[in-house]
Amino acid sequence: MTVLCAWTWSLGTTTAGILAAERRPVGELEDHVDVGPAARPGAARYDAATGEYALTGWGPPARSTTEPVHLAGVWLRGDFLLRAEAAFAGDGADSRRAGPALAQRQPRRTMGWMVRADLEPDGAFLALAVDGAGETALTFRREAGGETEQLASAVRGPDVLQLARVGGAFSLAVARAGELLMRDLELELDLGDEVYAGLFVASSDPEAATRAVFRNVRVVGLAPPDLVPYREYLASRLEILDLESGRRTVVHRTPDSMQAPNWTPDGGALLYNRNGLIYRFDLERRTASVLDTGFADRNNNDHVLSFDGERLGISHHDPGSDGRSIVYTLPAGGGAPTRVTDRGPSYLHGWSPDGRYLVYTGERAGEIDVYRIPVEGGDEVRLTSTPGLDDGAEVSPDGQWIYFNSVRSGRMQIWRMRPDGADPEQLTHDELNDWFPHVSPDGERIVFLSYGQEVDPEDHPFYREVYLRVMPATGGEPRVVAYVYGGQGTINVPSWAPDGRRLAFVSNTASH
């Protein structure tokens, strides 16, 4: 149940217009403007090295009854999702004439995401707003010149701010960094198809500015409801996450489906699949080139490099096997593929550290299980036999465990077993559906993909809100390391950098 927020915030009903002299792009946002009269012009700065946006907004002029905002954003149409990690900067007492009296005041400051029908100060809008005391709310005006209303969230002091529009409904989702998103507010509000959406800061004090820093800012166009999976695709972003700082960097983009980045052991490149081909992305030059895979030109996102980096395993939909996925190997630098599995469909997921065998998912007689096979081919060995889907097998760097995901407990969860299939052990025990465990180079941690309860446990679809989570390799409490719009193709294959400090993954967005 939602309640009216205890604090109030209004932009007033003046039609003074936008005070910014001109609109200026900042980072990937189109411009930044003051909406409503401010004591001083606001500012926005983008740091390309860190990917951070810093916004400054001043309070209203003396004797003004309005509260301006400084807004940095873009014009959008259709359904979208806005997400960022945010924090106030300073103590809120920045002033042109700071003194003891001002230092004792605690002017109210707010920040967050805002969506507006237009840029008139009295226009209709909706905002995900967080104030300096940590109060979080949806603040909105239904029509131009109308009253400002608010609905309070149960979460105080969130770091992760997400605002989505689907159809005519806006929804708020917030979290403290590392935790799952709390979704407790939704509102039907018609702001028109084309809206201005962006980051904002606001101050209630005529003498003080509000400063906030936003990082990992993502403006995401959502998949239309009639999108046909595996026939229609959204654009892709290849991202690298620094686990220590939490900073995400987009290093490459494609207008169509790019999937499953696999880090080379030397740390210099990523392999991914796109339109049936395997590409090598040079991280220093930021360039992509097609890898020679011979006749194998219908490759899916189940491709894995050997631990020594000398060989590449691929899963190719072989026309001679009725289009079923078949596992092949070839030199890591490209060359003629050698067939490994006789039967299909077979989807490769891992090599043994000694390079002697492969582990993969195979569908046989309607059952989908984990198998292993010598790298040169031969008889396959079935490692799982519990009814239901078993998938995503990967061998630990010490060769002692095979990690995989299984639906045998009801939801899709992370498991591990011995290399011969013995001693299966469940590692995650939560309400999410967990897929594709990948073991860190030191064998201490695993990263995996988590879907919400709304997704069928045996499905891993494209274009959903998902989490990347990390936990100890022996089990424990998972921690969210990235909030992502993606799913299928995000981290199907080993995604750790050789240094164990970074992860590579794919996120998606529709064009606007």
Protein backbone atom coordinates (compact mmCIF):
# COMPACT_ATOMS: atom_id res chain seq x y z
CA MET A 1 0.00 0.00 0.00
CA THR A 2 1.38 3.44 -0.92
CA VAL A 3 1.02 6.55 1.19
CA LEU A 4 1.54 10.23 0.66
CA CYS A 5 5.11 11.19 1.36
CA ALA A 6 5.68 13.31 4.47
CA TRP A 7 7.78 15.87 2.65
CA THR A 8 6.60 17.98 -0.27
CA TRP A 9 8.26 19.22 -3.40
CA SER A 10 6.86 21.51 -6.07
CA LEU A 11 8.18 23.18 -9.17
CA GLY A 12 5.53 25.84 -8.87
CA THR A 13 3.23 27.05 -11.62
CA THR A 14 5.32 29.77 -13.21
CA THR A 15 5.74 29.86 -16.98
CA ALA A 16 9.10 31.58 -16.85
CA GLY A 17 10.55 28.89 -19.12
CA ILE A 18 14.02 27.47 -19.37
CA LEU A 19 16.81 29.71 -18.12
CA ALA A 20 19.71 27.83 -19.70
CA ALA A 21 21.30 29.94 -22.44
CA GLU A 22 21.71 26.93 -24.67
CA ARG A 23 21.46 23.19 -24.59
CA ARG A 24 24.76 21.38 -24.41
CA PRO A 25 25.39 17.63 -24.74
CA VAL A 26 26.95 15.90 -21.77
CA GLY A 27 28.28 12.37 -22.19
CA GLU A 28 25.61 10.34 -23.95
CA LEU A 29 22.83 12.70 -22.88
CA GLU A 30 21.54 15.29 -25.35
CA ASP A 31 21.68 18.38 -23.19
CA HIS A 32 21.31 19.83 -19.70
CA VAL A 33 18.92 22.60 -18.72
CA ASP A 34 17.49 24.49 -15.78
CA VAL A 35 13.73 24.02 -15.54
CA GLY A 36 12.36 26.93 -13.54
CA PRO A 37 14.20 30.07 -12.36
CA ALA A 38 17.36 29.33 -10.34
CA ALA A 39 19.62 31.59 -8.28
CA ARG A 40 22.53 30.49 -10.46
CA PRO A 41 22.72 28.39 -13.63
CA GLY A 42 23.12 24.69 -12.97
CA ALA A 43 25.91 22.60 -14.43
CA ALA A 44 26.53 19.09 -15.71
CA ARG A 45 29.86 17.39 -16.31
CA TYR A 46 30.75 13.98 -17.72
CA ASP A 47 34.01 12.21 -16.88
CA ALA A 48 34.84 9.88 -19.77
CA ALA A 49 37.50 8.07 -17.72
CA THR A 50 35.05 7.03 -14.99
CA GLY A 51 31.75 7.23 -16.87
CA GLU A 52 30.35 9.48 -14.13
CA TYR A 53 27.92 12.37 -14.49
CA ALA A 54 28.18 15.20 -11.95
CA LEU A 55 25.17 17.55 -11.74
CA THR A 56 24.83 20.80 -9.83
CA GLY A 57 21.55 22.61 -9.33
CA TRP A 58 20.93 25.82 -7.39
CA GLY A 59 17.91 26.80 -5.38
CA PRO A 60 15.40 29.48 -6.40
CA PRO A 61 16.17 33.21 -6.39
CA ALA A 62 15.25 35.22 -3.29
CA ARG A 63 11.49 35.65 -2.78
CA SER A 64 10.74 33.06 -5.46
CA THR A 65 8.03 30.51 -4.65
CA THR A 66 9.25 27.90 -7.13
CA GLU A 67 11.85 25.17 -6.80
CA PRO A 68 13.92 24.68 -9.97
CA VAL A 69 15.64 21.50 -11.11
CA HIS A 70 18.73 21.01 -13.21
CA LEU A 71 18.10 18.24 -15.67
CA ALA A 72 20.40 16.33 -18.05
CA GLY A 73 18.57 14.04 -20.42
CA VAL A 74 17.27 12.89 -23.79
CA TRP A 75 14.01 12.86 -25.71
CA LEU A 76 12.51 9.34 -25.79
CA ARG A 77 9.56 7.52 -27.30
CA GLY A 78 7.91 4.23 -26.42
CA ASP A 79 8.84 1.98 -23.50
CA PHE A 80 12.11 2.55 -21.70
CA LEU A 81 14.09 1.89 -18.56
CA LEU A 82 16.33 4.42 -16.79
CA ARG A 83 18.95 3.16 -14.33
CA ALA A 84 21.87 4.70 -12.44
CA GLU A 85 23.81 4.47 -9.22
CA ALA A 86 23.62 7.81 -7.43
CA ALA A 87 25.03 9.65 -4.44
CA PHE A 88 24.94 13.21 -3.15
CA ALA A 89 28.24 15.07 -3.21
CA GLY A 90 29.22 17.36 -0.35
CA ASP A 91 27.10 18.30 2.65
CA GLY A 92 24.49 20.40 0.88
CA ALA A 93 25.83 23.68 2.23
CA ASP A 94 27.75 24.85 -0.83
CA SER A 95 27.07 28.58 -1.18
CA ARG A 96 28.26 31.86 -2.67
CA ARG A 97 28.62 33.28 0.85
CA ALA A 98 28.98 30.36 3.19
CA GLY A 99 29.03 31.24 6.87
CA PRO A 100 28.08 29.88 10.31
CA ALA A 101 24.36 30.55 9.83
CA LEU A 102 24.26 28.66 6.53
CA ALA A 103 26.39 25.83 7.89
CA GLN A 104 23.77 25.26 10.61
CA ARG A 105 20.97 25.00 8.08
CA GLN A 106 20.18 21.73 6.35
CA PRO A 107 18.55 22.78 3.09
CA ARG A 108 16.54 20.03 1.50
CA ARG A 109 18.14 18.57 -1.59
CA THR A 110 16.80 15.99 -4.02
CA MET A 111 18.14 13.95 -6.91
CA GLY A 112 17.06 11.10 -9.17
CA TRP A 113 15.37 10.45 -12.51
CA MET A 114 12.74 12.69 -14.06
CA VAL A 115 10.41 12.26 -17.05
CA ARG A 116 8.62 15.32 -18.40
CA ALA A 117 5.94 15.98 -21.00
CA ASP A 118 7.82 19.19 -21.84
CA LEU A 119 10.38 21.55 -20.35
CA GLU A 120 7.95 24.17 -19.08
CA PRO A 121 8.24 24.64 -15.30
CA ASP A 122 4.54 23.97 -14.72
CA GLY A 123 4.37 21.00 -17.09
CA ALA A 124 3.27 17.45 -16.31
CA PHE A 125 6.09 15.24 -15.02
CA LEU A 126 7.05 12.24 -12.93
CA ALA A 127 10.23 11.79 -10.90
CA LEU A 128 11.95 9.10 -8.88
CA ALA A 129 13.21 11.43 -6.17
CA VAL A 130 15.56 10.81 -3.25
CA ASP A 131 16.16 13.56 -0.69
CA GLY A 132 19.11 14.19 1.61
CA ALA A 133 17.45 12.31 4.45
CA GLY A 134 17.09 9.21 2.29
CA GLU A 135 13.33 9.51 1.72
CA THR A 136 12.41 8.03 -1.66
CA ALA A 137 9.24 8.72 -3.62
CA LEU A 138 7.48 9.00 -6.94
CA THR A 139 6.71 12.70 -7.32
CA PHE A 140 4.35 13.69 -10.13
CA ARG A 141 2.07 16.25 -11.69
CA ARG A 142 -0.71 14.83 -13.83
CA GLU A 143 -1.32 17.91 -15.97
CA ALA A 144 0.19 21.32 -16.63
CA GLY A 145 -0.50 23.71 -13.77
CA GLY A 146 -1.88 20.94 -11.57
CA GLU A 147 -1.00 19.97 -8.01
CA THR A 148 2.18 18.05 -7.24
CA GLU A 149 1.59 14.65 -5.63
CA GLN A 150 3.86 12.05 -4.08
CA LEU A 151 3.90 8.36 -3.24
CA ALA A 152 6.51 7.11 -0.79
CA SER A 153 8.74 4.08 -1.21
CA ALA A 154 9.55 1.78 1.71
CA VAL A 155 13.27 1.89 0.83
CA ARG A 156 15.37 4.60 2.46
CA GLY A 157 18.70 5.81 1.16
CA PRO A 158 18.96 3.70 -2.02
CA ASP A 159 22.09 3.78 -4.18
CA VAL A 160 20.55 2.18 -7.28
CA LEU A 161 17.70 4.12 -8.89
CA GLN A 162 15.55 2.66 -11.65
CA LEU A 163 12.51 4.15 -13.34
CA ALA A 164 10.68 2.34 -16.15
CA ARG A 165 7.79 3.14 -18.46
CA VAL A 166 5.82 0.31 -20.04
CA GLY A 167 2.68 1.37 -21.87
CA GLY A 168 1.03 4.00 -19.70
CA ALA A 169 2.54 2.78 -16.42
CA PHE A 170 5.63 4.02 -14.61
CA SER A 171 7.33 1.83 -12.00
CA LEU A 172 9.98 2.54 -9.42
CA ALA A 173 12.66 0.04 -8.42
CA VAL A 174 15.44 0.93 -5.97
CA ALA A 175 18.13 -0.87 -4.03
CA ARG A 176 21.17 -0.45 -1.88
CA ALA A 177 24.22 -1.46 -3.89
CA GLY A 178 24.69 -5.22 -3.94
CA GLU A 179 21.08 -6.03 -3.03
CA LEU A 180 18.07 -7.00 -5.09
CA LEU A 181 15.80 -4.25 -6.42
CA MET A 182 12.71 -3.39 -4.40
CA ARG A 183 9.70 -2.76 -6.65
CA ASP A 184 7.01 -1.14 -4.52
CA LEU A 185 5.55 1.74 -6.53
CA GLU A 186 3.68 1.88 -9.83
CA LEU A 187 1.59 4.65 -11.33
CA GLU A 188 -0.52 5.12 -14.47
CA LEU A 189 0.35 8.51 -15.94
CA ASP A 190 -0.02 9.83 -19.49
CA LEU A 191 2.84 12.16 -20.38
CA GLY A 192 2.51 11.62 -24.15
CA ASP A 193 4.56 9.29 -26.32
CA GLU A 194 7.56 11.62 -26.66
CA VAL A 195 8.99 12.70 -23.32
CA TYR A 196 12.14 14.27 -21.95
CA ALA A 197 13.86 11.88 -19.53
CA GLY A 198 17.00 12.44 -17.54
CA LEU A 199 18.95 12.81 -14.33
CA PHE A 200 18.09 15.73 -12.08
CA VAL A 201 19.14 17.58 -8.95
CA ALA A 202 17.21 20.24 -7.02
CA SER A 203 17.74 22.48 -4.01
CA SER A 204 15.17 24.27 -1.87
CA ASP A 205 17.63 26.87 -0.57
CA PRO A 206 18.17 30.14 -2.51
CA GLU A 207 21.77 30.26 -1.30
CA ALA A 208 22.76 26.60 -1.70
CA ALA A 209 23.41 24.13 -4.48
CA THR A 210 22.69 20.43 -4.64
CA ARG A 211 25.44 18.30 -6.13
CA ALA A 212 25.12 14.63 -7.05
CA VAL A 213 27.19 12.07 -8.91
CA PHE A 214 25.62 9.38 -11.10
CA ARG A 215 27.51 6.39 -12.47
CA ASN A 216 26.68 3.34 -14.58
CA VAL A 217 23.98 5.45 -16.21
CA ARG A 218 21.93 3.47 -18.70
CA VAL A 219 19.05 4.69 -20.86
CA VAL A 220 17.49 1.51 -22.24
CA GLY A 221 14.86 1.11 -24.93
CA LEU A 222 12.75 -1.93 -24.03
CA ALA A 223 11.79 -4.70 -26.44
CA PRO A 224 8.32 -4.20 -27.93
CA PRO A 225 5.72 -6.73 -26.76
CA ASP A 226 5.39 -8.19 -30.26
CA LEU A 227 9.12 -8.85 -30.75
CA VAL A 228 9.69 -12.38 -32.11
CA PRO A 229 12.56 -14.05 -30.19
CA TYR A 230 15.42 -15.49 -32.27
CA ARG A 231 14.10 -13.66 -35.35
CA GLU A 232 14.18 -10.05 -34.21
CA TYR A 233 16.93 -8.56 -32.08
CA LEU A 234 17.79 -5.42 -30.16
CA ALA A 235 21.10 -3.56 -30.26
CA SER A 236 23.92 -4.82 -28.05
CA ARG A 237 26.51 -3.28 -25.76
CA LEU A 238 29.71 -5.12 -24.85
CA GLU A 239 30.53 -4.08 -21.31
CA ILE A 240 33.39 -4.64 -18.87
CA LEU A 241 32.74 -4.51 -15.13
CA ASP A 242 35.51 -3.72 -12.67
CA LEU A 243 34.52 -5.73 -9.60
CA GLU A 244 36.45 -3.66 -7.07
CA SER A 245 35.08 -0.26 -8.07
CA GLY A 246 31.77 -1.44 -9.55
CA ARG A 247 32.41 0.69 -12.62
CA ARG A 248 30.99 -0.52 -15.95
CA THR A 249 32.49 0.53 -19.29
CA VAL A 250 30.86 0.05 -22.68
CA VAL A 251 33.69 -0.91 -25.05
CA HIS A 252 31.77 -1.92 -28.18
CA ARG A 253 28.28 -1.64 -29.69
CA THR A 254 26.43 -3.39 -32.49
CA PRO A 255 23.00 -2.57 -33.93
CA ASP A 256 22.00 -6.24 -33.73
CA SER A 257 22.63 -9.27 -31.52
CA MET A 258 26.11 -9.70 -30.06
CA GLN A 259 26.39 -12.45 -27.46
CA ALA A 260 28.58 -14.32 -24.99
CA PRO A 261 31.99 -12.61 -24.62
CA ASN A 262 34.77 -15.06 -23.77
CA TRP A 263 38.05 -13.58 -22.50
CA THR A 264 41.33 -14.78 -24.04
CA PRO A 265 43.92 -16.02 -21.48
CA ASP A 266 46.32 -13.20 -22.37
CA GLY A 267 43.69 -10.63 -21.44
CA GLY A 268 44.00 -8.86 -24.78
CA ALA A 269 40.77 -9.78 -26.52
CA LEU A 270 37.22 -11.00 -26.22
CA LEU A 271 35.54 -13.55 -28.48
CA TYR A 272 31.81 -13.22 -29.10
CA ASN A 273 29.24 -14.50 -31.59
CA ARG A 274 27.20 -12.36 -33.95
CA ASN A 275 24.99 -13.42 -36.86
CA GLY A 276 26.37 -16.97 -36.78
CA LEU A 277 30.02 -15.91 -36.87
CA ILE A 278 32.69 -15.67 -34.16
CA TYR A 279 34.36 -12.28 -33.74
CA ARG A 280 37.56 -11.31 -31.97
CA PHE A 281 37.43 -7.92 -30.25
CA ASP A 282 40.83 -6.34 -29.62
CA LEU A 283 40.58 -4.52 -26.30
CA GLU A 284 43.50 -2.16 -26.92
CA ARG A 285 42.51 -1.09 -30.41
CA ARG A 286 38.75 -1.40 -29.75
CA THR A 287 38.28 -3.14 -33.09
CA ALA A 288 36.40 -6.30 -34.05
CA SER A 289 37.33 -8.81 -36.75
CA VAL A 290 35.76 -12.06 -37.92
CA LEU A 291 37.54 -15.22 -36.80
CA ASP A 292 37.98 -17.88 -39.48
CA THR A 293 35.81 -20.85 -38.50
CA GLY A 294 35.71 -22.43 -41.96
CA PHE A 295 32.37 -23.92 -42.88
CA ALA A 296 30.98 -23.28 -39.39
CA ASP A 297 28.99 -20.12 -40.04
CA ARG A 298 25.91 -20.87 -37.92
CA ASN A 299 27.52 -20.64 -34.50
CA ASN A 300 25.44 -20.01 -31.40
CA ASN A 301 26.56 -18.47 -28.11
CA ASP A 302 28.09 -21.67 -26.66
CA HIS A 303 31.78 -21.27 -27.54
CA VAL A 304 34.66 -21.75 -25.11
CA LEU A 305 38.44 -21.31 -25.19
CA SER A 306 40.65 -24.00 -23.70
CA PHE A 307 42.45 -23.08 -20.47
CA ASP A 308 45.78 -22.69 -22.30
CA GLY A 309 44.17 -20.51 -24.97
CA GLU A 310 45.34 -22.75 -27.81
CA ARG A 311 41.99 -24.21 -28.90
CA LEU A 312 38.47 -22.91 -29.35
CA GLY A 313 35.35 -25.04 -29.01
CA ILE A 314 32.23 -23.93 -30.89
CA SER A 315 28.61 -25.04 -31.23
CA HIS A 316 27.57 -24.93 -34.89
CA HIS A 317 24.10 -25.65 -36.23
CA ASP A 318 25.17 -28.22 -38.78
CA PRO A 319 22.96 -28.46 -41.90
CA GLY A 320 24.09 -32.08 -42.26
CA SER A 321 22.62 -32.86 -38.82
CA ASP A 322 19.21 -31.34 -39.53
CA GLY A 323 20.42 -27.97 -38.25
CA ARG A 324 21.13 -29.31 -34.77
CA SER A 325 23.91 -27.78 -32.70
CA ILE A 326 27.10 -29.87 -32.93
CA VAL A 327 30.35 -29.30 -31.01
CA TYR A 328 33.55 -28.68 -32.97
CA THR A 329 37.07 -27.56 -32.06
CA LEU A 330 39.58 -25.49 -34.02
CA PRO A 331 42.77 -23.49 -33.41
CA ALA A 332 42.09 -20.38 -31.29
CA GLY A 333 43.48 -18.21 -34.08
CA GLY A 334 41.06 -19.69 -36.59
CA GLY A 335 41.10 -22.64 -38.97
CA ALA A 336 39.25 -25.75 -40.04
CA PRO A 337 36.82 -27.14 -37.44
CA THR A 338 37.06 -30.75 -36.22
CA ARG A 339 33.82 -32.43 -35.23
CA VAL A 340 33.63 -33.74 -31.66
CA THR A 341 30.03 -34.79 -30.92
CA ASP A 342 28.23 -37.24 -33.18
CA ARG A 343 24.83 -36.46 -31.74
CA GLY A 344 22.88 -33.23 -31.40
CA PRO A 345 21.73 -30.92 -30.20
CA SER A 346 24.91 -30.44 -28.20
CA TYR A 347 25.83 -27.07 -26.67
CA LEU A 348 29.39 -26.62 -25.45
CA HIS A 349 30.04 -24.97 -22.08
CA GLY A 350 33.46 -25.99 -20.77
CA TRP A 351 36.90 -27.56 -21.19
CA SER A 352 38.77 -29.56 -18.58
CA PRO A 353 41.88 -27.69 -17.34
CA ASP A 354 44.15 -30.34 -18.89
CA GLY A 355 42.37 -29.94 -22.24
CA ARG A 356 41.51 -33.64 -22.47
CA TYR A 357 37.71 -33.48 -22.39
CA LEU A 358 34.74 -31.16 -22.96
CA VAL A 359 31.53 -30.74 -20.98
CA TYR A 360 28.33 -29.75 -22.71
CA THR A 361 24.54 -29.79 -22.63
CA GLY A 362 22.90 -32.46 -24.74
CA GLU A 363 19.28 -33.17 -25.51
CA ARG A 364 18.69 -36.90 -25.90
CA ALA A 365 15.26 -38.52 -26.14
CA GLY A 366 13.58 -35.38 -24.78
CA GLU A 367 15.83 -35.06 -21.71
CA ILE A 368 18.42 -32.28 -21.40
CA ASP A 369 21.47 -33.23 -19.35
CA VAL A 370 25.16 -32.54 -18.84
CA TYR A 371 27.62 -34.74 -20.76
CA ARG A 372 31.37 -35.07 -21.12
CA ILE A 373 33.37 -36.35 -24.08
CA PRO A 374 37.06 -36.70 -25.03
CA VAL A 375 38.23 -33.66 -26.97
CA GLU A 376 39.07 -35.83 -29.96
CA GLY A 377 35.53 -37.27 -29.94
CA GLY A 378 34.28 -40.72 -29.07
CA ASP A 379 31.74 -42.02 -26.59
CA GLU A 380 29.88 -39.39 -24.59
CA VAL A 381 29.26 -39.91 -20.86
CA ARG A 382 26.01 -38.72 -19.29
CA LEU A 383 26.76 -36.96 -15.98
CA THR A 384 23.23 -35.95 -14.86
CA SER A 385 20.07 -38.01 -14.97
CA THR A 386 17.61 -36.15 -12.74
CA PRO A 387 14.38 -35.24 -14.61
CA GLY A 388 14.31 -31.63 -15.76
CA LEU A 389 16.79 -29.29 -17.38
CA ASP A 390 20.51 -29.40 -16.47
CA ASP A 391 22.66 -26.86 -18.32
CA GLY A 392 25.65 -24.52 -18.28
CA ALA A 393 28.36 -26.96 -17.15
CA GLU A 394 31.82 -25.52 -16.47
CA VAL A 395 34.88 -27.23 -14.96
CA SER A 396 36.68 -25.51 -12.10
CA PRO A 397 40.32 -24.47 -12.70
CA ASP A 398 41.57 -27.23 -10.39
CA GLY A 399 39.50 -29.84 -12.21
CA GLN A 400 37.79 -30.98 -9.01
CA TRP A 401 34.25 -29.76 -9.74
CA ILE A 402 31.79 -29.22 -12.54
CA TYR A 403 29.48 -26.28 -11.88
CA PHE A 404 26.10 -26.23 -13.60
CA ASN A 405 22.53 -24.97 -13.28
CA SER A 406 19.61 -27.31 -12.67
CA VAL A 407 15.84 -27.07 -12.24
CA ARG A 408 15.66 -30.25 -10.16
CA SER A 409 14.74 -28.35 -6.98
CA GLY A 410 11.85 -26.47 -8.61
CA ARG A 411 13.53 -23.21 -9.56
CA MET A 412 16.66 -23.01 -11.67
CA GLN A 413 19.55 -23.01 -9.19
CA ILE A 414 23.34 -23.34 -9.19
CA TRP A 415 24.83 -26.77 -8.41
CA ARG A 416 28.17 -28.48 -8.56
CA MET A 417 29.25 -32.13 -8.86
CA ARG A 418 32.40 -34.16 -9.20
CA PRO A 419 33.84 -34.69 -12.71
CA ASP A 420 32.20 -38.12 -12.86
CA GLY A 421 28.79 -36.74 -11.85
CA ALA A 422 29.03 -37.85 -8.21
CA ASP A 423 28.22 -35.80 -5.08
CA PRO A 424 25.79 -33.20 -6.55
CA GLU A 425 25.53 -30.19 -4.24
CA GLN A 426 23.09 -27.27 -4.44
CA LEU A 427 24.77 -23.88 -3.97
CA THR A 428 21.97 -21.31 -4.37
CA HIS A 429 18.72 -21.46 -2.41
CA ASP A 430 16.69 -18.39 -3.30
CA GLU A 431 13.58 -17.31 -5.17
CA LEU A 432 15.38 -16.27 -8.34
CA ASN A 433 16.22 -18.45 -11.33
CA ASP A 434 20.00 -18.77 -11.64
CA TRP A 435 21.91 -19.66 -14.82
CA PHE A 436 25.41 -20.13 -16.21
CA PRO A 437 27.89 -20.30 -13.32
CA HIS A 438 31.41 -19.21 -14.26
CA VAL A 439 34.35 -19.85 -11.95
CA SER A 440 36.97 -17.19 -11.29
CA PRO A 441 40.55 -17.95 -12.40
CA ASP A 442 41.62 -18.59 -8.79
CA GLY A 443 38.66 -20.91 -8.21
CA GLU A 444 37.40 -18.85 -5.26
CA ARG A 445 34.23 -17.26 -6.68
CA ILE A 446 31.51 -17.83 -9.22
CA VAL A 447 29.48 -15.32 -11.19
CA PHE A 448 26.08 -16.23 -12.58
CA LEU A 449 22.98 -14.75 -14.21
CA SER A 450 19.71 -14.42 -12.27
CA TYR A 451 16.19 -14.02 -13.63
CA GLY A 452 13.13 -13.07 -11.59
CA GLN A 453 10.30 -15.36 -10.58
CA GLU A 454 8.19 -14.25 -13.55
CA VAL A 455 10.45 -16.20 -15.94
CA ASP A 456 9.84 -19.91 -16.50
CA PRO A 457 12.60 -21.74 -14.56
CA GLU A 458 13.54 -23.75 -17.66
CA ASP A 459 13.78 -20.68 -19.91
CA HIS A 460 16.51 -18.06 -20.29
CA PRO A 461 14.94 -15.50 -22.65
CA PHE A 462 16.29 -12.38 -24.26
CA TYR A 463 15.56 -8.84 -23.11
CA ARG A 464 14.67 -9.05 -19.44
CA GLU A 465 15.83 -7.32 -16.32
CA VAL A 466 18.46 -9.63 -14.87
CA TYR A 467 21.19 -9.57 -12.25
CA LEU A 468 24.80 -10.60 -12.39
CA ARG A 469 25.64 -12.03 -8.97
CA VAL A 470 28.86 -13.23 -7.38
CA MET A 471 29.30 -15.62 -4.46
CA PRO A 472 31.97 -17.92 -3.00
CA ALA A 473 32.57 -21.05 -5.08
CA THR A 474 31.60 -23.18 -2.09
CA GLY A 475 28.26 -21.40 -1.70
CA GLY A 476 27.11 -18.50 0.43
CA GLU A 477 25.18 -15.26 0.14
CA PRO A 478 25.20 -13.93 -3.46
CA ARG A 479 25.93 -10.25 -4.03
CA VAL A 480 24.59 -8.30 -7.00
CA VAL A 481 27.46 -6.84 -9.02
CA ALA A 482 25.48 -5.55 -12.02
CA TYR A 483 21.87 -4.67 -12.80
CA VAL A 484 21.40 -5.49 -16.49
CA TYR A 485 18.83 -5.46 -19.26
CA GLY A 486 19.79 -8.59 -21.16
CA GLY A 487 19.45 -12.31 -20.48
CA GLN A 488 20.08 -14.78 -23.29
CA GLY A 489 23.60 -14.09 -24.54
CA THR A 490 24.68 -11.93 -21.58
CA ILE A 491 27.16 -14.38 -19.99
CA ASN A 492 26.60 -17.82 -21.52
CA VAL A 493 30.33 -18.60 -21.54
CA PRO A 494 33.33 -18.00 -19.20
CA SER A 495 33.36 -14.25 -18.63
CA TRP A 496 36.19 -13.60 -16.15
CA ALA A 497 39.29 -11.66 -17.10
CA PRO A 498 42.51 -13.60 -16.43
CA ASP A 499 43.31 -11.26 -13.53
CA GLY A 500 40.02 -12.19 -11.80
CA ARG A 501 39.20 -8.51 -11.30
CA ARG A 502 36.90 -7.89 -14.26
CA LEU A 503 33.91 -9.43 -15.99
CA ALA A 504 32.73 -9.08 -19.59
CA PHE A 505 29.07 -9.27 -20.51
CA VAL A 506 26.48 -8.06 -23.03
CA SER A 507 23.53 -5.77 -22.32
CA ASN A 508 20.82 -4.72 -24.77
CA THR A 509 18.71 -1.74 -25.79
CA ALA A 510 16.24 -0.81 -28.50
CA SER A 511 16.94 2.30 -30.55
CA HIS A 512 14.88 5.40 -29.76
